[in-house]
Amino acid sequence: MPPFRNRSEAGKVLAAQVVKAVDDRDTVVLALPRGGVPVAFEVAQALKAPMDVYVVRKLGLPGEEELAIGAIASGGVRVLNRALIAHLQTPQELIERVTAEQAAELERREQLYRGSRALIPIKGRTVILVDDGLATGATMLAAVRSVRAQEPRQIVVAIPVAPPSACESIRQEVDQVVCAATPEPFLAVGSWYEDFSQTSDAEVRSLLAESRGESPS
């Protein structure tokens, strides 16, 4: 599989598959910021569906932040990788400290991206959760469980690239998974992008405003 040029191209490729897979006009696209926003924007445009952000924060092991011991999402949901925590013998005190730190960042980002606007209503609607890729799937799993509590009609997870194992793990929790590519060996999400530079807060805000038909502030 050749790498995507950037997240926008990945979103266009993914959108073509989502349009074929999802047959529901009452659909909401929720992006996991920040990297999932440029991808989700293309999906929402193709579906002519409203888009919003759904903030999720990975719980990274201090000193090895890319190693996820779990994740938290809006609504107070926390998902922990119990097997990894037991293997690493991670103290509960450390888990709680990391959770508190990421909860503060989650709240900051929700305020930054959405301000006083409420989340788009999702009860009884098809929700498409989008990120720029899956590695372990812990972050997406936290998002799925948080969204499920709000009683959507169905949940679809859409991602440009992920290992087959992550797709299968998520598939057990949702109604449908749309994954544009499942390469093996997988390595890392960034391996499948020519440009995997960090998405800025300003870009997130700009794409959200454009999705609502507003001029970016």
N, C-alpha and C. Protein backbone atom coordinates (compact mmCIF):
# COMPACT_ATOMS: atom_id res chain seq x y z
N MET A 1 0.83 -1.20 0.00
CA MET A 1 0.00 0.00 0.00
C MET A 1 0.87 1.25 0.00
N PRO A 2 0.73 2.12 -1.01
CA PRO A 2 1.47 3.38 -0.99
C PRO A 2 0.90 4.29 0.08
N PRO A 3 1.75 5.14 0.68
CA PRO A 3 1.23 6.02 1.74
C PRO A 3 0.31 7.10 1.18
N PHE A 4 -0.60 7.57 2.04
CA PHE A 4 -1.41 8.74 1.68
C PHE A 4 -0.50 9.96 1.67
N ARG A 5 -0.81 10.93 0.81
CA ARG A 5 -0.01 12.16 0.81
C ARG A 5 -0.18 12.90 2.13
N ASN A 6 -1.41 12.99 2.60
CA ASN A 6 -1.70 13.70 3.84
C ASN A 6 -3.07 13.26 4.34
N ARG A 7 -3.53 13.87 5.41
CA ARG A 7 -4.81 13.45 5.99
C ARG A 7 -5.99 13.81 5.10
N SER A 8 -5.87 14.90 4.36
CA SER A 8 -6.97 15.28 3.46
C SER A 8 -7.17 14.23 2.38
N GLU A 9 -6.08 13.77 1.78
CA GLU A 9 -6.20 12.72 0.76
C GLU A 9 -6.75 11.43 1.38
N ALA A 10 -6.27 11.10 2.58
CA ALA A 10 -6.77 9.91 3.27
C ALA A 10 -8.27 10.02 3.49
N GLY A 11 -8.73 11.23 3.81
CA GLY A 11 -10.16 11.45 4.03
C GLY A 11 -10.96 11.25 2.76
N LYS A 12 -10.44 11.69 1.64
CA LYS A 12 -11.14 11.51 0.36
C LYS A 12 -11.25 10.03 -0.01
N VAL A 13 -10.16 9.30 0.19
CA VAL A 13 -10.17 7.86 -0.09
C VAL A 13 -11.18 7.15 0.83
N LEU A 14 -11.14 7.50 2.10
CA LEU A 14 -12.06 6.90 3.07
C LEU A 14 -13.50 7.28 2.76
N ALA A 15 -13.74 8.53 2.41
CA ALA A 15 -15.09 9.01 2.13
C ALA A 15 -15.76 8.22 1.02
N ALA A 16 -14.97 7.85 0.00
CA ALA A 16 -15.53 7.08 -1.12
C ALA A 16 -16.08 5.74 -0.64
N GLN A 17 -15.43 5.15 0.35
CA GLN A 17 -15.91 3.87 0.89
C GLN A 17 -17.08 4.06 1.85
N VAL A 18 -17.03 5.13 2.64
CA VAL A 18 -18.11 5.38 3.59
C VAL A 18 -19.42 5.66 2.88
N VAL A 19 -19.37 6.41 1.80
CA VAL A 19 -20.58 6.73 1.03
C VAL A 19 -21.27 5.45 0.56
N LYS A 20 -20.49 4.46 0.19
CA LYS A 20 -21.06 3.18 -0.26
C LYS A 20 -21.59 2.34 0.91
N ALA A 21 -20.98 2.50 2.07
CA ALA A 21 -21.30 1.63 3.20
C ALA A 21 -22.44 2.13 4.08
N VAL A 22 -22.62 3.45 4.14
CA VAL A 22 -23.60 4.04 5.06
C VAL A 22 -24.78 4.59 4.28
N ASP A 23 -25.94 4.02 4.53
CA ASP A 23 -27.16 4.44 3.83
C ASP A 23 -28.14 5.01 4.86
N ASP A 24 -27.85 6.22 5.31
CA ASP A 24 -28.69 6.87 6.31
C ASP A 24 -28.50 8.37 6.16
N ARG A 25 -29.56 9.08 5.86
CA ARG A 25 -29.45 10.52 5.67
C ARG A 25 -29.31 11.27 7.00
N ASP A 26 -29.74 10.64 8.09
CA ASP A 26 -29.65 11.28 9.39
C ASP A 26 -28.36 10.85 10.08
N THR A 27 -27.27 11.38 9.58
CA THR A 27 -25.94 10.95 10.00
C THR A 27 -25.15 12.12 10.56
N VAL A 28 -24.37 11.86 11.59
CA VAL A 28 -23.47 12.85 12.18
C VAL A 28 -22.05 12.29 12.12
N VAL A 29 -21.11 13.11 11.69
CA VAL A 29 -19.70 12.71 11.65
C VAL A 29 -18.98 13.34 12.83
N LEU A 30 -18.38 12.51 13.66
CA LEU A 30 -17.63 12.98 14.82
C LEU A 30 -16.15 12.66 14.64
N ALA A 31 -15.33 13.71 14.71
CA ALA A 31 -13.89 13.56 14.51
C ALA A 31 -13.16 13.50 15.84
N LEU A 32 -12.18 12.61 15.93
CA LEU A 32 -11.31 12.59 17.10
C LEU A 32 -10.15 13.55 16.84
N PRO A 33 -10.13 14.67 17.58
CA PRO A 33 -9.08 15.66 17.34
C PRO A 33 -7.75 15.21 17.97
N ARG A 34 -6.65 15.71 17.39
CA ARG A 34 -6.71 16.67 16.30
C ARG A 34 -6.61 15.99 14.93
N GLY A 35 -5.84 14.92 14.83
CA GLY A 35 -5.55 14.33 13.53
C GLY A 35 -6.74 13.82 12.77
N GLY A 36 -7.81 13.46 13.47
CA GLY A 36 -8.98 12.94 12.79
C GLY A 36 -9.83 13.98 12.11
N VAL A 37 -9.59 15.27 12.42
CA VAL A 37 -10.46 16.33 11.90
C VAL A 37 -10.32 16.52 10.39
N PRO A 38 -9.11 16.64 9.83
CA PRO A 38 -9.01 16.78 8.36
C PRO A 38 -9.58 15.57 7.61
N VAL A 39 -9.46 14.39 8.20
CA VAL A 39 -10.02 13.18 7.58
C VAL A 39 -11.54 13.24 7.63
N ALA A 40 -12.08 13.54 8.79
CA ALA A 40 -13.53 13.59 8.98
C ALA A 40 -14.18 14.68 8.14
N PHE A 41 -13.47 15.78 7.93
CA PHE A 41 -14.01 16.87 7.12
C PHE A 41 -14.37 16.37 5.72
N GLU A 42 -13.49 15.57 5.12
CA GLU A 42 -13.75 15.04 3.78
C GLU A 42 -14.92 14.06 3.78
N VAL A 43 -15.02 13.26 4.85
CA VAL A 43 -16.13 12.31 4.96
C VAL A 43 -17.45 13.07 5.09
N ALA A 44 -17.47 14.09 5.94
CA ALA A 44 -18.69 14.87 6.15
C ALA A 44 -19.11 15.59 4.88
N GLN A 45 -18.14 16.12 4.14
CA GLN A 45 -18.46 16.80 2.88
C GLN A 45 -19.07 15.84 1.88
N ALA A 46 -18.52 14.64 1.79
CA ALA A 46 -19.04 13.64 0.84
C ALA A 46 -20.45 13.21 1.20
N LEU A 47 -20.73 13.11 2.50
CA LEU A 47 -22.05 12.67 2.96
C LEU A 47 -23.05 13.83 3.07
N LYS A 48 -22.51 15.07 2.97
CA LYS A 48 -23.34 16.26 3.23
C LYS A 48 -23.95 16.18 4.63
N ALA A 49 -23.10 15.76 5.57
CA ALA A 49 -23.53 15.56 6.96
C ALA A 49 -22.85 16.57 7.88
N PRO A 50 -23.48 16.91 9.00
CA PRO A 50 -22.84 17.80 9.97
C PRO A 50 -21.65 17.12 10.62
N MET A 51 -20.67 17.93 11.02
CA MET A 51 -19.46 17.41 11.66
C MET A 51 -19.22 18.12 12.98
N ASP A 52 -18.69 17.38 13.93
CA ASP A 52 -18.30 17.95 15.21
C ASP A 52 -17.08 17.18 15.69
N VAL A 53 -16.48 17.68 16.78
CA VAL A 53 -15.36 16.95 17.38
C VAL A 53 -15.87 16.15 18.58
N TYR A 54 -15.19 15.05 18.83
CA TYR A 54 -15.46 14.24 20.01
C TYR A 54 -14.12 14.02 20.67
N VAL A 55 -13.91 14.70 21.79
CA VAL A 55 -12.58 14.74 22.37
C VAL A 55 -12.28 13.48 23.17
N VAL A 56 -11.16 12.87 22.84
CA VAL A 56 -10.68 11.67 23.51
C VAL A 56 -9.19 11.88 23.78
N ARG A 57 -8.73 11.44 24.93
CA ARG A 57 -7.32 11.59 25.27
C ARG A 57 -6.72 10.23 25.64
N LYS A 58 -5.60 9.94 25.00
CA LYS A 58 -4.87 8.72 25.32
C LYS A 58 -4.20 8.86 26.68
N LEU A 59 -4.19 7.80 27.45
CA LEU A 59 -3.46 7.76 28.71
C LEU A 59 -2.11 7.10 28.44
N GLY A 60 -1.09 7.93 28.25
CA GLY A 60 0.23 7.42 27.93
C GLY A 60 1.06 7.19 29.18
N LEU A 61 1.89 6.18 29.15
CA LEU A 61 2.77 5.87 30.27
C LEU A 61 3.83 6.97 30.38
N PRO A 62 3.98 7.61 31.53
CA PRO A 62 4.98 8.66 31.68
C PRO A 62 6.37 8.19 31.26
N GLY A 63 7.00 9.00 30.41
CA GLY A 63 8.31 8.62 29.87
C GLY A 63 8.21 7.86 28.57
N GLU A 64 7.06 7.22 28.35
CA GLU A 64 6.80 6.51 27.09
C GLU A 64 5.37 6.82 26.68
N GLU A 65 5.12 8.11 26.40
CA GLU A 65 3.75 8.60 26.20
C GLU A 65 3.02 7.93 25.04
N GLU A 66 3.76 7.40 24.06
CA GLU A 66 3.10 6.73 22.94
C GLU A 66 2.56 5.35 23.32
N LEU A 67 2.99 4.84 24.48
CA LEU A 67 2.51 3.54 24.95
C LEU A 67 1.22 3.77 25.74
N ALA A 68 0.08 3.41 25.15
CA ALA A 68 -1.22 3.72 25.75
C ALA A 68 -1.62 2.65 26.76
N ILE A 69 -1.82 3.10 28.00
CA ILE A 69 -2.36 2.18 29.01
C ILE A 69 -3.87 2.32 29.10
N GLY A 70 -4.43 3.23 28.29
CA GLY A 70 -5.87 3.43 28.26
C GLY A 70 -6.22 4.74 27.60
N ALA A 71 -7.46 5.17 27.76
CA ALA A 71 -7.93 6.42 27.17
C ALA A 71 -9.15 6.90 27.92
N ILE A 72 -9.42 8.21 27.83
CA ILE A 72 -10.64 8.78 28.40
C ILE A 72 -11.37 9.55 27.30
N ALA A 73 -12.68 9.72 27.47
CA ALA A 73 -13.49 10.42 26.48
C ALA A 73 -14.49 11.32 27.18
N SER A 74 -15.10 12.20 26.41
CA SER A 74 -16.16 13.06 26.92
C SER A 74 -17.22 12.20 27.61
N GLY A 75 -17.77 12.72 28.70
CA GLY A 75 -18.78 11.98 29.43
C GLY A 75 -18.22 11.15 30.57
N GLY A 76 -16.92 11.29 30.85
CA GLY A 76 -16.32 10.59 31.98
C GLY A 76 -15.99 9.13 31.75
N VAL A 77 -15.96 8.70 30.48
CA VAL A 77 -15.64 7.30 30.18
C VAL A 77 -14.12 7.09 30.23
N ARG A 78 -13.69 6.02 30.90
CA ARG A 78 -12.28 5.65 30.90
C ARG A 78 -12.16 4.18 30.53
N VAL A 79 -11.28 3.89 29.58
CA VAL A 79 -11.00 2.52 29.16
C VAL A 79 -9.54 2.24 29.48
N LEU A 80 -9.27 1.17 30.24
CA LEU A 80 -7.91 0.83 30.62
C LEU A 80 -7.50 -0.49 29.99
N ASN A 81 -6.23 -0.56 29.60
CA ASN A 81 -5.66 -1.81 29.09
C ASN A 81 -5.13 -2.60 30.29
N ARG A 82 -6.02 -3.37 30.90
CA ARG A 82 -5.70 -4.05 32.14
C ARG A 82 -4.52 -5.02 31.99
N ALA A 83 -4.46 -5.70 30.83
CA ALA A 83 -3.38 -6.66 30.62
C ALA A 83 -2.02 -5.96 30.60
N LEU A 84 -1.97 -4.82 29.89
CA LEU A 84 -0.71 -4.08 29.81
C LEU A 84 -0.34 -3.49 31.17
N ILE A 85 -1.33 -2.97 31.87
CA ILE A 85 -1.08 -2.39 33.20
C ILE A 85 -0.53 -3.45 34.15
N ALA A 86 -1.09 -4.65 34.09
CA ALA A 86 -0.61 -5.74 34.96
C ALA A 86 0.81 -6.15 34.56
N HIS A 87 1.05 -6.22 33.25
CA HIS A 87 2.38 -6.62 32.76
C HIS A 87 3.45 -5.62 33.19
N LEU A 88 3.09 -4.33 33.13
CA LEU A 88 4.05 -3.27 33.48
C LEU A 88 4.08 -2.99 34.98
N GLN A 89 3.12 -3.59 35.70
CA GLN A 89 2.99 -3.36 37.15
C GLN A 89 2.86 -1.86 37.44
N THR A 90 1.98 -1.22 36.67
CA THR A 90 1.78 0.23 36.80
C THR A 90 0.98 0.53 38.06
N PRO A 91 1.51 1.37 38.95
CA PRO A 91 0.80 1.69 40.19
C PRO A 91 -0.51 2.43 39.92
N GLN A 92 -1.53 2.15 40.71
CA GLN A 92 -2.83 2.82 40.56
C GLN A 92 -2.69 4.32 40.72
N GLU A 93 -1.81 4.75 41.62
CA GLU A 93 -1.60 6.18 41.85
C GLU A 93 -1.12 6.87 40.57
N LEU A 94 -0.26 6.20 39.82
CA LEU A 94 0.24 6.75 38.57
C LEU A 94 -0.88 6.83 37.53
N ILE A 95 -1.72 5.81 37.47
CA ILE A 95 -2.84 5.80 36.53
C ILE A 95 -3.78 6.96 36.81
N GLU A 96 -4.07 7.19 38.09
CA GLU A 96 -4.98 8.27 38.46
C GLU A 96 -4.37 9.64 38.15
N ARG A 97 -3.05 9.77 38.33
CA ARG A 97 -2.40 11.05 38.03
C ARG A 97 -2.44 11.35 36.54
N VAL A 98 -2.15 10.35 35.72
CA VAL A 98 -2.20 10.53 34.27
C VAL A 98 -3.63 10.84 33.83
N THR A 99 -4.60 10.16 34.43
CA THR A 99 -6.00 10.40 34.09
C THR A 99 -6.40 11.84 34.40
N ALA A 100 -6.00 12.34 35.56
CA ALA A 100 -6.34 13.71 35.95
C ALA A 100 -5.71 14.72 35.00
N GLU A 101 -4.46 14.48 34.61
CA GLU A 101 -3.78 15.39 33.69
C GLU A 101 -4.49 15.43 32.34
N GLN A 102 -4.86 14.27 31.83
CA GLN A 102 -5.50 14.21 30.52
C GLN A 102 -6.94 14.70 30.57
N ALA A 103 -7.60 14.55 31.72
CA ALA A 103 -8.96 15.08 31.87
C ALA A 103 -8.95 16.60 31.78
N ALA A 104 -7.92 17.22 32.35
CA ALA A 104 -7.79 18.67 32.26
C ALA A 104 -7.56 19.11 30.82
N GLU A 105 -6.73 18.36 30.10
CA GLU A 105 -6.47 18.69 28.69
C GLU A 105 -7.71 18.45 27.85
N LEU A 106 -8.48 17.41 28.16
CA LEU A 106 -9.72 17.14 27.45
C LEU A 106 -10.69 18.32 27.59
N GLU A 107 -10.82 18.80 28.81
CA GLU A 107 -11.72 19.93 29.06
C GLU A 107 -11.25 21.19 28.33
N ARG A 108 -9.92 21.40 28.33
CA ARG A 108 -9.37 22.57 27.63
C ARG A 108 -9.68 22.52 26.14
N ARG A 109 -9.51 21.35 25.56
CA ARG A 109 -9.74 21.23 24.11
C ARG A 109 -11.23 21.37 23.77
N GLU A 110 -12.09 20.81 24.60
CA GLU A 110 -13.53 20.97 24.33
C GLU A 110 -13.91 22.45 24.32
N GLN A 111 -13.37 23.20 25.27
CA GLN A 111 -13.66 24.62 25.34
C GLN A 111 -13.07 25.35 24.14
N LEU A 112 -11.86 24.99 23.75
CA LEU A 112 -11.18 25.63 22.64
C LEU A 112 -11.89 25.38 21.32
N TYR A 113 -12.30 24.15 21.09
CA TYR A 113 -12.88 23.77 19.79
C TYR A 113 -14.36 24.10 19.69
N ARG A 114 -15.08 23.98 20.80
CA ARG A 114 -16.53 24.12 20.73
C ARG A 114 -17.04 25.36 21.44
N GLY A 115 -16.28 25.87 22.40
CA GLY A 115 -16.73 27.04 23.15
C GLY A 115 -18.01 26.73 23.90
N SER A 116 -19.01 27.57 23.72
CA SER A 116 -20.28 27.39 24.42
C SER A 116 -21.26 26.51 23.64
N ARG A 117 -20.88 26.11 22.42
CA ARG A 117 -21.78 25.26 21.62
C ARG A 117 -21.88 23.87 22.22
N ALA A 118 -23.08 23.34 22.25
CA ALA A 118 -23.27 21.97 22.70
C ALA A 118 -22.90 21.01 21.57
N LEU A 119 -22.58 19.78 21.95
CA LEU A 119 -22.33 18.75 20.95
C LEU A 119 -23.57 18.56 20.09
N ILE A 120 -23.37 18.34 18.80
CA ILE A 120 -24.50 18.04 17.91
C ILE A 120 -25.28 16.86 18.49
N PRO A 121 -26.61 16.96 18.57
CA PRO A 121 -27.40 15.85 19.12
C PRO A 121 -27.17 14.56 18.34
N ILE A 122 -26.95 13.47 19.05
CA ILE A 122 -26.69 12.20 18.36
C ILE A 122 -27.67 11.10 18.73
N LYS A 123 -28.55 11.34 19.67
CA LYS A 123 -29.52 10.31 20.05
C LYS A 123 -30.40 9.95 18.86
N GLY A 124 -30.50 8.65 18.58
CA GLY A 124 -31.35 8.17 17.51
C GLY A 124 -30.79 8.37 16.11
N ARG A 125 -29.53 8.81 16.00
CA ARG A 125 -28.94 9.07 14.69
C ARG A 125 -27.76 8.12 14.44
N THR A 126 -27.37 8.00 13.19
CA THR A 126 -26.17 7.24 12.86
C THR A 126 -24.96 8.12 13.12
N VAL A 127 -24.03 7.63 13.91
CA VAL A 127 -22.81 8.37 14.25
C VAL A 127 -21.62 7.69 13.58
N ILE A 128 -20.84 8.48 12.84
CA ILE A 128 -19.62 7.98 12.23
C ILE A 128 -18.44 8.60 12.98
N LEU A 129 -17.69 7.77 13.66
CA LEU A 129 -16.51 8.21 14.39
C LEU A 129 -15.29 8.06 13.49
N VAL A 130 -14.51 9.14 13.37
CA VAL A 130 -13.40 9.16 12.41
C VAL A 130 -12.10 9.57 13.10
N ASP A 131 -11.03 8.84 12.79
CA ASP A 131 -9.68 9.24 13.20
C ASP A 131 -8.75 9.04 12.00
N ASP A 132 -7.49 9.45 12.15
CA ASP A 132 -6.57 9.32 11.02
C ASP A 132 -5.95 7.94 10.94
N GLY A 133 -6.25 7.07 11.90
CA GLY A 133 -5.76 5.71 11.88
C GLY A 133 -5.91 5.10 13.26
N LEU A 134 -5.76 3.79 13.34
CA LEU A 134 -5.79 3.08 14.61
C LEU A 134 -4.48 2.34 14.79
N ALA A 135 -4.00 2.31 16.02
CA ALA A 135 -2.85 1.48 16.35
C ALA A 135 -3.36 0.36 17.26
N THR A 136 -3.52 0.67 18.55
CA THR A 136 -4.10 -0.33 19.46
C THR A 136 -5.62 -0.27 19.47
N GLY A 137 -6.18 0.89 19.16
CA GLY A 137 -7.63 1.06 19.18
C GLY A 137 -8.18 1.53 20.51
N ALA A 138 -7.32 1.75 21.52
CA ALA A 138 -7.79 2.13 22.86
C ALA A 138 -8.51 3.47 22.84
N THR A 139 -7.97 4.42 22.10
CA THR A 139 -8.59 5.75 22.05
C THR A 139 -9.97 5.68 21.40
N MET A 140 -10.06 4.97 20.29
CA MET A 140 -11.35 4.84 19.60
C MET A 140 -12.35 4.08 20.47
N LEU A 141 -11.89 3.09 21.19
CA LEU A 141 -12.79 2.31 22.05
C LEU A 141 -13.42 3.19 23.12
N ALA A 142 -12.63 4.10 23.69
CA ALA A 142 -13.17 5.02 24.68
C ALA A 142 -14.24 5.91 24.06
N ALA A 143 -13.99 6.36 22.84
CA ALA A 143 -14.97 7.20 22.14
C ALA A 143 -16.24 6.41 21.86
N VAL A 144 -16.11 5.19 21.40
CA VAL A 144 -17.26 4.35 21.08
C VAL A 144 -18.15 4.15 22.31
N ARG A 145 -17.55 3.82 23.43
CA ARG A 145 -18.33 3.54 24.64
C ARG A 145 -19.00 4.80 25.17
N SER A 146 -18.34 5.93 25.02
CA SER A 146 -18.93 7.20 25.44
C SER A 146 -20.11 7.57 24.56
N VAL A 147 -19.95 7.40 23.26
CA VAL A 147 -21.04 7.71 22.32
C VAL A 147 -22.21 6.75 22.53
N ARG A 148 -21.91 5.48 22.77
CA ARG A 148 -22.96 4.47 22.95
C ARG A 148 -23.91 4.86 24.08
N ALA A 149 -23.39 5.49 25.12
CA ALA A 149 -24.20 5.90 26.27
C ALA A 149 -25.23 6.96 25.90
N GLN A 150 -25.04 7.60 24.73
CA GLN A 150 -25.96 8.66 24.30
C GLN A 150 -27.02 8.15 23.32
N GLU A 151 -27.12 6.85 23.18
CA GLU A 151 -28.20 6.17 22.46
C GLU A 151 -28.33 6.56 20.99
N PRO A 152 -27.25 6.44 20.23
CA PRO A 152 -27.38 6.64 18.78
C PRO A 152 -28.10 5.46 18.15
N ARG A 153 -28.59 5.64 16.92
CA ARG A 153 -29.21 4.53 16.21
C ARG A 153 -28.17 3.46 15.90
N GLN A 154 -27.02 3.89 15.41
CA GLN A 154 -25.93 2.97 15.16
C GLN A 154 -24.61 3.74 15.18
N ILE A 155 -23.53 3.00 15.40
CA ILE A 155 -22.19 3.60 15.41
C ILE A 155 -21.36 2.95 14.32
N VAL A 156 -20.76 3.79 13.51
CA VAL A 156 -19.84 3.35 12.47
C VAL A 156 -18.47 3.95 12.77
N VAL A 157 -17.44 3.15 12.76
CA VAL A 157 -16.07 3.65 12.90
C VAL A 157 -15.44 3.65 11.52
N ALA A 158 -14.88 4.79 11.13
CA ALA A 158 -14.27 4.93 9.80
C ALA A 158 -12.84 5.43 9.95
N ILE A 159 -11.89 4.68 9.42
CA ILE A 159 -10.48 5.05 9.52
C ILE A 159 -9.75 4.72 8.22
N PRO A 160 -8.78 5.55 7.85
CA PRO A 160 -8.03 5.28 6.61
C PRO A 160 -7.15 4.05 6.71
N VAL A 161 -6.52 3.81 7.87
CA VAL A 161 -5.55 2.72 7.96
C VAL A 161 -5.47 2.19 9.38
N ALA A 162 -5.34 0.87 9.50
CA ALA A 162 -5.24 0.22 10.81
C ALA A 162 -4.78 -1.21 10.61
N PRO A 163 -4.16 -1.81 11.64
CA PRO A 163 -3.84 -3.24 11.55
C PRO A 163 -5.13 -4.05 11.62
N PRO A 164 -5.17 -5.20 10.97
CA PRO A 164 -6.39 -6.02 11.01
C PRO A 164 -6.87 -6.31 12.43
N SER A 165 -5.94 -6.53 13.36
CA SER A 165 -6.34 -6.87 14.74
C SER A 165 -7.11 -5.73 15.39
N ALA A 166 -6.72 -4.48 15.14
CA ALA A 166 -7.41 -3.34 15.73
C ALA A 166 -8.81 -3.21 15.15
N CYS A 167 -8.93 -3.43 13.85
CA CYS A 167 -10.25 -3.37 13.20
C CYS A 167 -11.18 -4.42 13.79
N GLU A 168 -10.67 -5.62 13.98
CA GLU A 168 -11.49 -6.70 14.52
C GLU A 168 -11.91 -6.41 15.95
N SER A 169 -11.00 -5.86 16.73
CA SER A 169 -11.32 -5.52 18.11
C SER A 169 -12.43 -4.49 18.19
N ILE A 170 -12.36 -3.45 17.35
CA ILE A 170 -13.37 -2.40 17.34
C ILE A 170 -14.68 -2.93 16.77
N ARG A 171 -14.61 -3.82 15.80
CA ARG A 171 -15.81 -4.35 15.14
C ARG A 171 -16.74 -5.04 16.14
N GLN A 172 -16.18 -5.58 17.20
CA GLN A 172 -17.00 -6.25 18.21
C GLN A 172 -17.82 -5.26 19.04
N GLU A 173 -17.49 -3.98 18.95
CA GLU A 173 -18.13 -2.96 19.78
C GLU A 173 -19.10 -2.07 19.03
N VAL A 174 -19.06 -2.11 17.68
CA VAL A 174 -19.85 -1.17 16.89
C VAL A 174 -20.69 -1.91 15.85
N ASP A 175 -21.49 -1.15 15.14
CA ASP A 175 -22.36 -1.75 14.12
C ASP A 175 -21.62 -2.00 12.81
N GLN A 176 -20.62 -1.17 12.54
CA GLN A 176 -19.90 -1.31 11.28
C GLN A 176 -18.54 -0.63 11.37
N VAL A 177 -17.54 -1.22 10.72
CA VAL A 177 -16.21 -0.61 10.62
C VAL A 177 -15.88 -0.45 9.14
N VAL A 178 -15.47 0.76 8.76
CA VAL A 178 -15.00 1.02 7.41
C VAL A 178 -13.53 1.39 7.52
N CYS A 179 -12.67 0.53 7.03
CA CYS A 179 -11.22 0.78 7.09
C CYS A 179 -10.68 0.71 5.67
N ALA A 180 -10.11 1.82 5.19
CA ALA A 180 -9.66 1.88 3.79
C ALA A 180 -8.51 0.93 3.51
N ALA A 181 -7.65 0.70 4.49
CA ALA A 181 -6.50 -0.19 4.28
C ALA A 181 -6.11 -0.86 5.59
N THR A 182 -5.73 -2.14 5.50
CA THR A 182 -5.26 -2.88 6.68
C THR A 182 -3.93 -3.57 6.33
N PRO A 183 -2.87 -2.79 6.20
CA PRO A 183 -1.58 -3.36 5.78
C PRO A 183 -0.92 -4.19 6.88
N GLU A 184 -0.16 -5.16 6.46
CA GLU A 184 0.67 -5.94 7.38
C GLU A 184 2.05 -6.12 6.76
N PRO A 185 3.15 -5.93 7.48
CA PRO A 185 3.17 -5.45 8.87
C PRO A 185 2.71 -3.99 8.95
N PHE A 186 2.13 -3.63 10.07
CA PHE A 186 1.52 -2.30 10.19
C PHE A 186 2.52 -1.22 10.58
N LEU A 187 3.40 -1.51 11.52
CA LEU A 187 4.38 -0.55 12.05
C LEU A 187 3.68 0.54 12.87
N ALA A 188 3.28 1.65 12.25
CA ALA A 188 2.64 2.75 12.97
C ALA A 188 1.77 3.53 12.00
N VAL A 189 0.79 4.28 12.55
CA VAL A 189 -0.11 5.07 11.69
C VAL A 189 0.68 6.01 10.80
N GLY A 190 1.66 6.71 11.38
CA GLY A 190 2.43 7.69 10.62
C GLY A 190 3.22 7.09 9.47
N SER A 191 3.46 5.78 9.50
CA SER A 191 4.20 5.12 8.41
C SER A 191 3.44 5.15 7.09
N TRP A 192 2.12 5.39 7.17
CA TRP A 192 1.29 5.31 5.98
C TRP A 192 0.87 6.70 5.47
N TYR A 193 1.59 7.71 5.92
CA TYR A 193 1.38 9.08 5.45
C TYR A 193 2.72 9.69 5.04
N GLU A 194 2.74 10.35 3.88
CA GLU A 194 3.93 11.10 3.51
C GLU A 194 4.08 12.31 4.43
N ASP A 195 2.98 12.99 4.70
CA ASP A 195 2.97 14.13 5.61
C ASP A 195 2.09 13.79 6.80
N PHE A 196 2.72 13.53 7.94
CA PHE A 196 1.99 13.21 9.16
C PHE A 196 2.29 14.25 10.22
N SER A 197 2.53 15.48 9.77
CA SER A 197 2.80 16.56 10.71
C SER A 197 1.56 16.81 11.57
N GLN A 198 1.79 17.32 12.76
CA GLN A 198 0.71 17.50 13.73
C GLN A 198 -0.34 18.50 13.22
N THR A 199 -1.60 18.14 13.36
CA THR A 199 -2.70 19.05 13.04
C THR A 199 -2.77 20.10 14.15
N SER A 200 -2.84 21.37 13.78
CA SER A 200 -2.85 22.43 14.78
C SER A 200 -4.26 22.70 15.29
N ASP A 201 -4.35 23.33 16.46
CA ASP A 201 -5.64 23.75 16.99
C ASP A 201 -6.33 24.71 16.02
N ALA A 202 -5.53 25.58 15.40
CA ALA A 202 -6.10 26.55 14.45
C ALA A 202 -6.74 25.84 13.26
N GLU A 203 -6.10 24.78 12.77
CA GLU A 203 -6.67 24.03 11.64
C GLU A 203 -7.96 23.34 12.06
N VAL A 204 -7.99 22.80 13.27
CA VAL A 204 -9.21 22.16 13.76
C VAL A 204 -10.36 23.17 13.79
N ARG A 205 -10.10 24.33 14.36
CA ARG A 205 -11.14 25.36 14.47
C ARG A 205 -11.59 25.83 13.08
N SER A 206 -10.64 25.96 12.17
CA SER A 206 -10.96 26.41 10.82
C SER A 206 -11.85 25.41 10.08
N LEU A 207 -11.51 24.13 10.18
CA LEU A 207 -12.29 23.10 9.49
C LEU A 207 -13.68 22.95 10.11
N LEU A 208 -13.77 23.09 11.42
CA LEU A 208 -15.08 23.04 12.08
C LEU A 208 -15.96 24.19 11.61
N ALA A 209 -15.37 25.38 11.54
CA ALA A 209 -16.13 26.54 11.07
C ALA A 209 -16.58 26.36 9.62
N GLU A 210 -15.67 25.84 8.79
CA GLU A 210 -16.03 25.63 7.37
C GLU A 210 -17.13 24.58 7.25
N SER A 211 -17.09 23.57 8.09
CA SER A 211 -18.13 22.53 8.03
C SER A 211 -19.50 23.09 8.39
N ARG A 212 -19.51 24.17 9.19
CA ARG A 212 -20.78 24.80 9.57
C ARG A 212 -21.15 25.94 8.63
N GLY A 213 -20.35 26.13 7.61
CA GLY A 213 -20.65 27.20 6.65
C GLY A 213 -20.29 28.57 7.17
N GLU A 214 -19.37 28.62 8.15
CA GLU A 214 -18.96 29.90 8.74
C GLU A 214 -17.56 30.27 8.25
N SER A 215 -17.24 31.55 8.36
CA SER A 215 -15.89 32.00 8.07
C SER A 215 -15.03 31.76 9.29
N PRO A 216 -13.83 31.12 9.11
CA PRO A 216 -12.95 30.91 10.26
C PRO A 216 -12.59 32.23 10.92
N SER A 217 -12.62 32.25 12.27
CA SER A 217 -12.27 33.46 12.99
C SER A 217 -10.77 33.63 13.02
